[in-house]
Amino acid sequence: MYDFVIIGGGIIGMSTAMQLIDVYPDARIALLEKRVRASLPPDRA
């Protein structure tokens, strides 16, 4: 079970995850991304 689930590993999703880690360091966070590598342009994933 996760405390937070973030959909999308782009700049907004990654920034949200980083902020949640700062505010809730013990929280379990899931980040869902459809590409193999998050935060990369589609042609580089």
N, C-alpha and C. Protein backbone atom coordinates (compact mmCIF):
# COMPACT_ATOMS: atom_id res chain seq x y z
N MET A 1 0.85 -1.18 0.00
CA MET A 1 0.00 0.00 0.00
C MET A 1 0.90 1.24 0.00
N TYR A 2 0.50 2.21 -0.80
CA TYR A 2 1.27 3.45 -0.90
C TYR A 2 0.51 4.60 -0.25
N ASP A 3 1.25 5.56 0.25
CA ASP A 3 0.65 6.78 0.79
C ASP A 3 0.29 7.75 -0.33
N PHE A 4 1.11 7.78 -1.37
CA PHE A 4 0.89 8.67 -2.51
C PHE A 4 1.19 7.91 -3.79
N VAL A 5 0.39 8.16 -4.82
CA VAL A 5 0.65 7.61 -6.15
C VAL A 5 0.68 8.78 -7.12
N ILE A 6 1.78 8.89 -7.85
CA ILE A 6 1.96 9.96 -8.83
C ILE A 6 1.93 9.32 -10.21
N ILE A 7 1.09 9.86 -11.09
CA ILE A 7 0.98 9.33 -12.44
C ILE A 7 1.73 10.28 -13.38
N GLY A 8 2.80 9.77 -13.95
CA GLY A 8 3.61 10.56 -14.88
C GLY A 8 4.97 10.87 -14.30
N GLY A 9 6.01 10.49 -15.02
CA GLY A 9 7.37 10.71 -14.55
C GLY A 9 8.07 11.87 -15.22
N GLY A 10 7.30 12.80 -15.74
CA GLY A 10 7.88 14.00 -16.35
C GLY A 10 8.34 14.97 -15.28
N ILE A 11 8.61 16.18 -15.68
CA ILE A 11 9.14 17.18 -14.76
C ILE A 11 8.19 17.45 -13.60
N ILE A 12 6.89 17.50 -13.86
CA ILE A 12 5.92 17.77 -12.79
C ILE A 12 5.82 16.58 -11.85
N GLY A 13 5.75 15.37 -12.39
CA GLY A 13 5.68 14.18 -11.55
C GLY A 13 6.91 14.01 -10.68
N MET A 14 8.08 14.22 -11.27
CA MET A 14 9.32 14.09 -10.50
C MET A 14 9.44 15.18 -9.44
N SER A 15 9.05 16.40 -9.78
CA SER A 15 9.09 17.50 -8.81
C SER A 15 8.13 17.24 -7.66
N THR A 16 6.95 16.74 -7.99
CA THR A 16 5.98 16.41 -6.95
C THR A 16 6.53 15.33 -6.03
N ALA A 17 7.14 14.31 -6.59
CA ALA A 17 7.72 13.24 -5.78
C ALA A 17 8.82 13.78 -4.86
N MET A 18 9.66 14.65 -5.38
CA MET A 18 10.73 15.21 -4.55
C MET A 18 10.17 16.06 -3.41
N GLN A 19 9.13 16.84 -3.69
CA GLN A 19 8.51 17.65 -2.63
C GLN A 19 7.87 16.76 -1.57
N LEU A 20 7.19 15.71 -2.00
CA LEU A 20 6.57 14.79 -1.04
C LEU A 20 7.62 14.12 -0.16
N ILE A 21 8.76 13.76 -0.74
CA ILE A 21 9.84 13.15 0.05
C ILE A 21 10.36 14.14 1.09
N ASP A 22 10.46 15.41 0.72
CA ASP A 22 10.92 16.43 1.67
C ASP A 22 9.93 16.62 2.82
N VAL A 23 8.63 16.65 2.48
CA VAL A 23 7.61 16.93 3.48
C VAL A 23 7.26 15.68 4.30
N TYR A 24 7.22 14.52 3.63
CA TYR A 24 6.85 13.26 4.28
C TYR A 24 7.95 12.23 4.05
N PRO A 25 9.07 12.33 4.76
CA PRO A 25 10.21 11.45 4.48
C PRO A 25 9.94 9.96 4.68
N ASP A 26 8.96 9.61 5.49
CA ASP A 26 8.66 8.19 5.73
C ASP A 26 7.53 7.66 4.86
N ALA A 27 6.99 8.49 3.99
CA ALA A 27 5.86 8.07 3.15
C ALA A 27 6.33 7.10 2.07
N ARG A 28 5.42 6.22 1.68
CA ARG A 28 5.67 5.31 0.57
C ARG A 28 5.05 5.93 -0.67
N ILE A 29 5.88 6.17 -1.68
CA ILE A 29 5.45 6.88 -2.88
C ILE A 29 5.65 5.98 -4.10
N ALA A 30 4.61 5.88 -4.92
CA ALA A 30 4.71 5.15 -6.19
C ALA A 30 4.63 6.18 -7.31
N LEU A 31 5.55 6.09 -8.26
CA LEU A 31 5.54 6.96 -9.43
C LEU A 31 5.34 6.07 -10.65
N LEU A 32 4.24 6.26 -11.37
CA LEU A 32 3.90 5.43 -12.52
C LEU A 32 4.25 6.17 -13.81
N GLU A 33 4.97 5.48 -14.69
CA GLU A 33 5.38 6.07 -15.97
C GLU A 33 5.22 5.00 -17.04
N LYS A 34 4.66 5.37 -18.18
CA LYS A 34 4.45 4.40 -19.25
C LYS A 34 5.72 4.08 -20.03
N ARG A 35 6.68 5.00 -20.03
CA ARG A 35 7.94 4.75 -20.73
C ARG A 35 8.92 4.02 -19.81
N VAL A 36 9.94 3.43 -20.40
CA VAL A 36 10.94 2.70 -19.62
C VAL A 36 11.72 3.64 -18.71
N ARG A 37 12.07 4.82 -19.21
CA ARG A 37 12.83 5.80 -18.42
C ARG A 37 12.00 7.06 -18.25
N ALA A 38 11.92 7.53 -17.05
CA ALA A 38 11.15 8.74 -16.76
C ALA A 38 11.98 9.99 -17.05
N SER A 39 11.32 11.09 -17.30
CA SER A 39 11.92 12.41 -17.50
C SER A 39 12.87 12.50 -18.68
N LEU A 40 12.66 11.72 -19.71
CA LEU A 40 13.43 11.83 -20.94
C LEU A 40 12.47 12.06 -22.10
N PRO A 41 12.89 12.76 -23.12
CA PRO A 41 12.04 12.91 -24.30
C PRO A 41 11.71 11.53 -24.88
N PRO A 42 10.55 11.37 -25.54
CA PRO A 42 10.15 10.06 -26.06
C PRO A 42 11.19 9.40 -26.97
N ASP A 43 11.94 10.17 -27.74
CA ASP A 43 12.92 9.58 -28.65
C ASP A 43 14.18 9.09 -27.93
N ARG A 44 14.35 9.45 -26.65
CA ARG A 44 15.53 9.02 -25.89
C ARG A 44 15.19 7.95 -24.88
N ALA A 45 13.94 7.60 -24.71
CA ALA A 45 13.53 6.62 -23.69
C ALA A 45 13.78 5.21 -24.16
